[in-house]
C-alpha atoms as a PDB file:
ATOM      1  CA  UNK A   1     -18.146  19.772 -24.919  1.00  0.00           C
ATOM      2  CA  UNK A   2     -14.552  18.863 -25.716  1.00  0.00           C
ATOM      3  CA  UNK A   3     -12.830  15.937 -23.994  1.00  0.00           C
ATOM      4  CA  UNK A   4      -9.073  15.550 -23.979  1.00  0.00           C
ATOM      5  CA  UNK A   5      -7.753  12.020 -23.557  1.00  0.00           C
ATOM      6  CA  UNK A   6      -4.486  11.884 -21.651  1.00  0.00           C
ATOM      7  CA  UNK A   7      -2.165   8.872 -21.844  1.00  0.00           C
ATOM      8  CA  UNK A   8      -1.316   6.831 -18.748  1.00  0.00           C
ATOM      9  CA  UNK A   9       2.289   7.998 -19.052  1.00  0.00           C
ATOM     10  CA  UNK A  10       1.209  11.650 -19.051  1.00  0.00           C
ATOM     11  CA  UNK A  11      -1.158  11.072 -16.108  1.00  0.00           C
ATOM     12  CA  UNK A  12       1.725   9.581 -14.139  1.00  0.00           C
ATOM     13  CA  UNK A  13       3.895  12.577 -14.945  1.00  0.00           C
ATOM     14  CA  UNK A  14       1.133  14.951 -13.843  1.00  0.00           C
ATOM     15  CA  UNK A  15       0.675  13.063 -10.567  1.00  0.00           C
ATOM     16  CA  UNK A  16       4.393  13.262  -9.866  1.00  0.00           C
ATOM     17  CA  UNK A  17       4.421  17.002 -10.566  1.00  0.00           C
ATOM     18  CA  UNK A  18       1.487  17.621  -8.198  1.00  0.00           C
ATOM     19  CA  UNK A  19       2.832  15.429  -5.374  1.00  0.00           C
ATOM     20  CA  UNK A  20       4.836  18.249  -3.652  1.00  0.00           C
ATOM     21  CA  UNK A  21       1.721  20.434  -3.495  1.00  0.00           C
ATOM     22  CA  UNK A  22      -0.334  17.586  -2.013  1.00  0.00           C
ATOM     23  CA  UNK A  23       2.382  16.935   0.578  1.00  0.00           C
ATOM     24  CA  UNK A  24       2.526  20.636   1.459  1.00  0.00           C
ATOM     25  CA  UNK A  25      -1.233  20.811   2.050  1.00  0.00           C
ATOM     26  CA  UNK A  26      -1.099  17.652   4.158  1.00  0.00           C
ATOM     27  CA  UNK A  27       1.814  19.068   6.200  1.00  0.00           C
ATOM     28  CA  UNK A  28      -0.126  22.305   6.771  1.00  0.00           C
ATOM     29  CA  UNK A  29      -2.858  20.358   8.553  1.00  0.00           C
ATOM     30  CA  UNK A  30      -5.179  19.811   5.598  1.00  0.00           C
ATOM     31  CA  UNK A  31      -5.007  16.018   5.794  1.00  0.00           C
ATOM     32  CA  UNK A  32      -8.801  15.622   5.576  1.00  0.00           C
ATOM     33  CA  UNK A  33      -8.917  17.834   2.477  1.00  0.00           C
ATOM     34  CA  UNK A  34      -6.244  15.719   0.791  1.00  0.00           C
ATOM     35  CA  UNK A  35      -7.979  12.442   1.710  1.00  0.00           C
ATOM     36  CA  UNK A  36     -11.319  13.764   0.406  1.00  0.00           C
ATOM     37  CA  UNK A  37      -9.696  14.919  -2.826  1.00  0.00           C
ATOM     38  CA  UNK A  38      -7.953  11.597  -3.369  1.00  0.00           C
ATOM     39  CA  UNK A  39     -11.181   9.726  -2.638  1.00  0.00           C
ATOM     40  CA  UNK A  40     -13.097  11.818  -5.174  1.00  0.00           C
ATOM     41  CA  UNK A  41     -10.384  11.303  -7.780  1.00  0.00           C
ATOM     42  CA  UNK A  42     -10.507   7.521  -7.268  1.00  0.00           C
ATOM     43  CA  UNK A  43     -14.277   7.571  -7.851  1.00  0.00           C
ATOM     44  CA  UNK A  44     -13.787   9.486 -11.099  1.00  0.00           C
ATOM     45  CA  UNK A  45     -11.083   7.107 -12.337  1.00  0.00           C
ATOM     46  CA  UNK A  46     -13.338   4.045 -12.030  1.00  0.00           C
END
């Protein structure tokens, strides 16, 4: 397995780039999906 380490700066840039998509899904009524995704991502980051 290959693991790629991404810098904090790059992670921040990636989050900013994905923000419009997350907002679009939330606006389309997928608020629970977004909350579940964000919750899962927080678990992974810890």
